Amino acid sequence: MHSRTIKCFISVAESLNFTKAAHENFVTQTTISRQIASLEEELGFSLFERNTVKVVLTPAGRSLYCDLKRIVKECDAVISKAKEISTNIKGTLKLGYSTDLGPKCILDIIPIFQDLNNNVKITLNQETPINLISQLQNGSYDIIAILTPELHNYKDIVSVPACRYNILLAMSKNHPLATRSEIPSKDLRNYKICTASKRDAPGMYEYALEAFRKDGYEPALLETDTYESQKLMAILGEGIAFYPDTGEISEKDHRLSYAHLTETHHSYSIDYAWLQDNKNIYIKKFIDTVDAFNDR
């Protein structure tokens, strides 16, 4: 059974008209009639019932049409995918990063990845950690950048370390600790600390609470929902914000004073994560870029 014969059969089955099917395939009616007759002989059963009034599919013909139509569609998709790979036609990689992170954690990698894969379209959005994981699982994202504690207990998600940072504290310039460049964790015991909310970032909330306890005290936590909310609360003097010490935070707002957190169990560990059964070929390419970046 040749592909051209299959195409002619599908045309006749859909139009139920040999003349129209012949025009669609740029052949004569006699040619298409011979192809159908040859196919029926090859298969050993009739595909159409013909009379002077109309053409109709036999039950066997209808079954064959439905299955061949599906197979042809699948073959077209397979060929299209292979063409994209062979010609490097633009693909898409959907990236997301957590609201309790600054964008630097992922923006450092994107230009390097794009230099190596300049025909890949990248989309980038920010979500709360809990929403980020949910949307990774439903396919809205291919890869997410998220704090490592948020990934515990998700067996369908795999990840690699992206980066690890010490803690940078941000506070109002009027804060009692604002003149210090380094602050041991124990010196924070009498001050409110801005942290990710338990609702939106349950993993990080529990991690932070445990780290404070290992540092020797029970913290006064002020829950916030985003990176920007923490900064606002710090500017207003409501609490001390915790950030990864990436070098970008201190460049952003002159209304804040910054200090390094010392003598602590706290750190920022960030992972790139993706769904185990996601078949997007650019995930591996992105992760290879991450590995090369980290090995520099």
Protein backbone atom coordinates (compact mmCIF):
# COMPACT_ATOMS: atom_id res chain seq x y z
CA MET A 1 0.00 0.00 0.00
CA HIS A 2 1.72 3.15 -1.24
CA SER A 3 1.34 6.60 0.37
CA ARG A 4 -0.15 8.03 -2.84
CA THR A 5 -2.78 5.29 -2.90
CA ILE A 6 -3.62 6.01 0.74
CA LYS A 7 -4.00 9.71 -0.06
CA CYS A 8 -6.34 8.95 -2.97
CA PHE A 9 -8.42 6.58 -0.84
CA ILE A 10 -8.81 9.20 1.91
CA SER A 11 -9.86 11.81 -0.69
CA VAL A 12 -12.58 9.53 -2.10
CA ALA A 13 -13.70 8.51 1.41
CA GLU A 14 -14.11 12.15 2.44
CA SER A 15 -15.72 13.46 -0.73
CA LEU A 16 -17.59 10.28 -1.76
CA ASN A 17 -17.01 11.53 -5.28
CA PHE A 18 -14.41 10.04 -7.66
CA THR A 19 -14.37 13.09 -9.92
CA LYS A 20 -13.76 15.52 -7.05
CA ALA A 21 -11.10 13.26 -5.54
CA ALA A 22 -9.35 13.08 -8.91
CA HIS A 23 -9.20 16.90 -9.11
CA GLU A 24 -7.81 17.13 -5.55
CA ASN A 25 -4.99 14.73 -6.46
CA PHE A 26 -4.33 16.15 -9.96
CA VAL A 27 -5.12 12.87 -11.73
CA THR A 28 -7.88 11.66 -14.03
CA GLN A 29 -10.99 9.94 -12.74
CA THR A 30 -9.89 6.78 -14.53
CA THR A 31 -6.56 6.81 -12.69
CA ILE A 32 -8.11 7.22 -9.27
CA SER A 33 -10.71 4.52 -10.00
CA ARG A 34 -7.89 2.14 -10.93
CA GLN A 35 -5.99 2.97 -7.72
CA ILE A 36 -9.04 2.23 -5.57
CA ALA A 37 -9.74 -0.99 -7.48
CA SER A 38 -6.11 -2.04 -7.07
CA LEU A 39 -6.26 -1.29 -3.34
CA GLU A 40 -9.45 -3.33 -2.94
CA GLU A 41 -7.79 -6.23 -4.76
CA GLU A 42 -4.71 -5.97 -2.55
CA LEU A 43 -6.80 -5.94 0.65
CA GLY A 44 -9.28 -8.57 -0.48
CA PHE A 45 -12.47 -6.65 0.37
CA SER A 46 -14.59 -3.79 -0.97
CA LEU A 47 -14.08 -0.28 0.32
CA PHE A 48 -17.00 1.42 -1.45
CA GLU A 49 -20.48 0.56 -2.61
CA ARG A 50 -21.03 2.13 -6.02
CA ASN A 51 -24.22 2.73 -8.00
CA THR A 52 -25.45 5.30 -10.51
CA VAL A 53 -26.72 7.57 -7.73
CA LYS A 54 -24.01 7.70 -5.05
CA VAL A 55 -20.82 6.28 -3.54
CA VAL A 56 -20.76 5.13 0.08
CA LEU A 57 -18.15 3.51 2.28
CA THR A 58 -18.61 -0.12 3.27
CA PRO A 59 -18.27 -0.84 7.02
CA ALA A 60 -14.77 -2.17 6.36
CA GLY A 61 -13.98 0.90 4.25
CA ARG A 62 -15.09 3.25 7.01
CA SER A 63 -12.96 1.43 9.56
CA LEU A 64 -9.93 1.60 7.28
CA TYR A 65 -10.53 5.30 6.59
CA CYS A 66 -10.67 6.20 10.30
CA ASP A 67 -7.48 4.31 11.11
CA LEU A 68 -5.53 5.54 8.09
CA LYS A 69 -6.58 9.14 8.75
CA ARG A 70 -5.17 8.88 12.28
CA ILE A 71 -1.97 7.20 11.12
CA VAL A 72 -1.37 9.80 8.39
CA LYS A 73 -1.81 12.59 10.95
CA GLU A 74 0.69 10.94 13.29
CA CYS A 75 3.17 10.41 10.45
CA ASP A 76 2.87 14.08 9.45
CA ALA A 77 3.63 15.11 13.05
CA VAL A 78 6.67 12.81 13.20
CA ILE A 79 8.02 14.18 9.90
CA SER A 80 7.39 17.77 11.00
CA LYS A 81 9.28 17.18 14.24
CA ALA A 82 12.21 15.64 12.37
CA LYS A 83 12.31 18.60 9.97
CA GLU A 84 12.42 21.03 12.90
CA ILE A 85 15.38 19.19 14.36
CA SER A 86 17.26 18.89 11.07
CA THR A 87 16.76 22.51 10.02
CA ASN A 88 17.01 24.04 13.52
CA ILE A 89 13.61 25.69 13.18
CA LYS A 90 12.74 27.80 16.20
CA GLY A 91 11.66 25.87 19.29
CA THR A 92 10.32 27.18 22.61
CA LEU A 93 11.53 26.90 26.18
CA LYS A 94 9.15 28.15 28.87
CA LEU A 95 10.99 29.33 31.98
CA GLY A 96 9.66 30.46 35.33
CA TYR A 97 11.27 31.75 38.49
CA SER A 98 10.03 32.13 42.02
CA THR A 99 8.71 35.36 43.50
CA ASP A 100 11.06 34.98 46.46
CA LEU A 101 14.06 35.23 44.13
CA GLY A 102 15.51 38.01 42.10
CA PRO A 103 15.71 37.38 38.35
CA LYS A 104 19.52 37.25 38.34
CA CYS A 105 19.46 33.55 39.20
CA ILE A 106 18.08 32.79 35.76
CA LEU A 107 19.00 35.85 33.71
CA ASP A 108 22.72 35.02 33.96
CA ILE A 109 22.12 31.79 32.05
CA ILE A 110 19.69 32.94 29.35
CA PRO A 111 22.13 35.02 27.22
CA ILE A 112 24.65 32.15 27.21
CA PHE A 113 21.96 29.65 26.24
CA GLN A 114 20.66 31.91 23.48
CA ASP A 115 24.14 32.36 22.02
CA LEU A 116 24.31 28.59 21.63
CA ASN A 117 20.66 28.14 20.57
CA ASN A 118 19.77 31.37 18.81
CA ASN A 119 16.62 30.00 17.17
CA VAL A 120 14.95 28.99 20.42
CA LYS A 121 12.25 31.30 21.74
CA ILE A 122 12.36 31.76 25.51
CA THR A 123 9.43 32.89 27.63
CA LEU A 124 10.06 34.00 31.21
CA ASN A 125 7.53 34.61 33.98
CA GLN A 126 7.47 34.90 37.75
CA GLU A 127 5.14 32.98 40.09
CA THR A 128 4.78 32.16 43.76
CA PRO A 129 6.61 28.91 44.56
CA ILE A 130 3.42 26.92 45.10
CA ASN A 131 1.96 28.12 41.78
CA LEU A 132 5.27 27.62 40.02
CA ILE A 133 5.35 23.94 40.93
CA SER A 134 1.69 23.46 40.02
CA GLN A 135 2.22 25.03 36.60
CA LEU A 136 5.38 23.03 36.03
CA GLN A 137 3.34 19.88 36.61
CA ASN A 138 0.57 20.92 34.20
CA GLY A 139 3.03 21.80 31.43
CA SER A 140 2.85 25.60 31.59
CA TYR A 141 6.60 25.69 32.26
CA ASP A 142 9.47 23.55 31.01
CA ILE A 143 12.02 24.65 33.62
CA ILE A 144 11.71 26.62 36.84
CA ALA A 145 14.25 28.31 39.10
CA ILE A 146 13.20 27.78 42.69
CA LEU A 147 14.65 27.55 46.17
CA THR A 148 15.70 23.96 46.86
CA PRO A 149 13.51 23.38 49.95
CA GLU A 150 10.36 23.86 47.84
CA LEU A 151 11.14 20.71 45.84
CA HIS A 152 11.00 18.21 48.66
CA ASN A 153 8.46 15.37 48.25
CA TYR A 154 7.85 15.84 44.51
CA LYS A 155 8.79 12.52 42.93
CA ASP A 156 7.78 13.57 39.40
CA ILE A 157 10.21 16.51 39.40
CA VAL A 158 13.96 16.30 38.83
CA SER A 159 16.42 19.10 39.47
CA VAL A 160 20.03 20.21 39.41
CA PRO A 161 21.74 22.80 41.59
CA ALA A 162 21.77 26.22 39.96
CA CYS A 163 23.64 28.30 42.50
CA ARG A 164 24.18 28.78 46.20
CA TYR A 165 24.44 32.15 47.94
CA ASN A 166 25.11 33.50 51.38
CA ILE A 167 22.51 35.76 52.96
CA LEU A 168 22.36 39.51 52.45
CA LEU A 169 20.25 41.46 54.93
CA ALA A 170 18.36 44.57 53.84
CA MET A 171 16.88 47.08 56.28
CA SER A 172 15.75 50.66 56.62
CA LYS A 173 18.52 53.20 56.99
CA ASN A 174 16.94 54.11 60.34
CA HIS A 175 17.14 50.55 61.66
CA PRO A 176 19.33 50.11 64.80
CA LEU A 177 21.57 47.65 62.91
CA ALA A 178 21.84 49.75 59.73
CA THR A 179 25.41 50.91 60.31
CA ARG A 180 26.88 47.39 60.46
CA SER A 181 28.33 45.56 57.45
CA GLU A 182 28.20 42.12 59.07
CA ILE A 183 25.59 40.86 61.54
CA PRO A 184 25.73 37.50 63.37
CA SER A 185 22.40 35.69 63.29
CA LYS A 186 21.99 35.80 67.08
CA ASP A 187 21.86 39.61 66.94
CA LEU A 188 18.56 39.39 65.01
CA ARG A 189 16.66 37.67 67.80
CA ASN A 190 14.91 40.89 68.92
CA TYR A 191 13.89 42.07 65.44
CA LYS A 192 11.18 41.12 62.98
CA ILE A 193 12.37 39.10 59.99
CA CYS A 194 10.63 39.18 56.61
CA THR A 195 10.23 35.71 55.15
CA ALA A 196 8.32 33.90 52.44
CA SER A 197 4.77 33.09 53.48
CA LYS A 198 3.90 29.60 54.64
CA ARG A 199 0.96 29.59 52.19
CA ASP A 200 2.92 30.46 49.06
CA ALA A 201 6.31 28.96 49.90
CA PRO A 202 5.79 26.23 52.50
CA GLY A 203 9.14 24.57 51.90
CA MET A 204 11.19 27.74 52.33
CA TYR A 205 9.15 28.86 55.33
CA GLU A 206 9.89 25.62 57.18
CA TYR A 207 13.53 25.72 56.13
CA ALA A 208 13.97 29.29 57.43
CA LEU A 209 12.26 28.48 60.72
CA GLU A 210 14.51 25.46 61.26
CA ALA A 211 17.64 27.47 60.40
CA PHE A 212 16.76 30.15 62.97
CA ARG A 213 16.21 27.46 65.60
CA LYS A 214 19.61 25.95 64.79
CA ASP A 215 21.05 29.43 65.25
CA GLY A 216 19.69 29.32 68.80
CA TYR A 217 16.46 31.30 68.88
CA GLU A 218 12.80 31.46 67.91
CA PRO A 219 12.40 34.23 65.30
CA ALA A 220 9.70 36.86 65.00
CA LEU A 221 8.66 36.19 61.39
CA LEU A 222 6.80 38.64 59.18
CA GLU A 223 5.36 36.69 56.24
CA THR A 224 5.48 38.29 52.77
CA ASP A 225 4.49 36.95 49.37
CA THR A 226 7.09 38.34 46.95
CA TYR A 227 10.65 39.52 46.55
CA GLU A 228 9.36 43.09 46.13
CA SER A 229 7.12 42.86 49.22
CA GLN A 230 10.13 42.03 51.36
CA LYS A 231 11.92 45.10 50.06
CA LEU A 232 8.90 47.33 50.74
CA MET A 233 8.54 46.07 54.30
CA ALA A 234 12.25 46.72 54.89
CA ILE A 235 12.02 50.27 53.47
CA LEU A 236 9.06 51.00 55.79
CA GLY A 237 11.07 49.78 58.77
CA GLU A 238 8.69 46.88 59.45
CA GLY A 239 11.35 44.19 59.32
CA ILE A 240 14.66 42.92 57.97
CA ALA A 241 14.57 41.30 54.55
CA PHE A 242 16.63 38.25 53.58
CA TYR A 243 18.07 38.09 50.06
CA PRO A 244 20.55 35.88 48.22
CA ASP A 245 23.87 37.72 48.12
CA THR A 246 24.08 37.84 44.31
CA GLY A 247 25.50 41.34 44.02
CA GLU A 248 22.37 42.69 42.31
CA ILE A 249 20.28 43.61 45.38
CA SER A 250 22.52 46.34 46.72
CA GLU A 251 22.45 48.07 43.34
CA LYS A 252 18.66 48.43 43.38
CA ASP A 253 17.55 50.72 46.16
CA HIS A 254 19.41 53.55 47.88
CA ARG A 255 16.77 53.66 50.66
CA LEU A 256 18.08 50.46 52.20
CA SER A 257 21.18 49.52 54.13
CA TYR A 258 22.78 46.11 53.56
CA ALA A 259 24.76 43.71 55.71
CA HIS A 260 26.10 40.18 55.39
CA LEU A 261 24.59 37.58 57.71
CA THR A 262 27.24 35.59 59.60
CA GLU A 263 27.37 32.74 62.12
CA THR A 264 24.25 31.15 60.68
CA HIS A 265 22.76 27.95 59.27
CA HIS A 266 20.96 29.99 56.60
CA SER A 267 21.89 29.93 52.93
CA TYR A 268 20.11 30.32 49.62
CA SER A 269 20.28 27.17 47.52
CA ILE A 270 18.55 27.49 44.15
CA ASP A 271 17.73 24.64 41.77
CA TYR A 272 16.61 24.37 38.17
CA ALA A 273 13.78 21.85 38.06
CA TRP A 274 11.73 20.18 35.35
CA LEU A 275 9.11 17.48 35.01
CA GLN A 276 10.66 14.06 34.58
CA ASP A 277 8.53 13.09 31.56
CA ASN A 278 8.81 16.44 29.73
CA LYS A 279 10.15 15.64 26.25
CA ASN A 280 11.20 19.16 25.24
CA ILE A 281 14.65 18.64 23.71
CA TYR A 282 15.83 22.07 24.83
CA ILE A 283 15.63 21.18 28.52
CA LYS A 284 18.82 19.13 28.29
CA LYS A 285 20.50 21.87 26.27
CA PHE A 286 19.59 24.42 28.95
CA ILE A 287 20.84 22.17 31.77
CA ASP A 288 24.09 21.55 29.85
CA THR A 289 24.49 25.33 29.69
CA VAL A 290 23.93 25.55 33.46
CA ASP A 291 26.56 22.87 34.11
CA ALA A 292 29.08 24.63 31.89
CA PHE A 293 28.36 27.96 33.60
CA ASN A 294 28.82 26.45 37.07
CA ASP A 295 32.09 24.75 36.07
CA ARG A 296 33.74 28.00 34.96
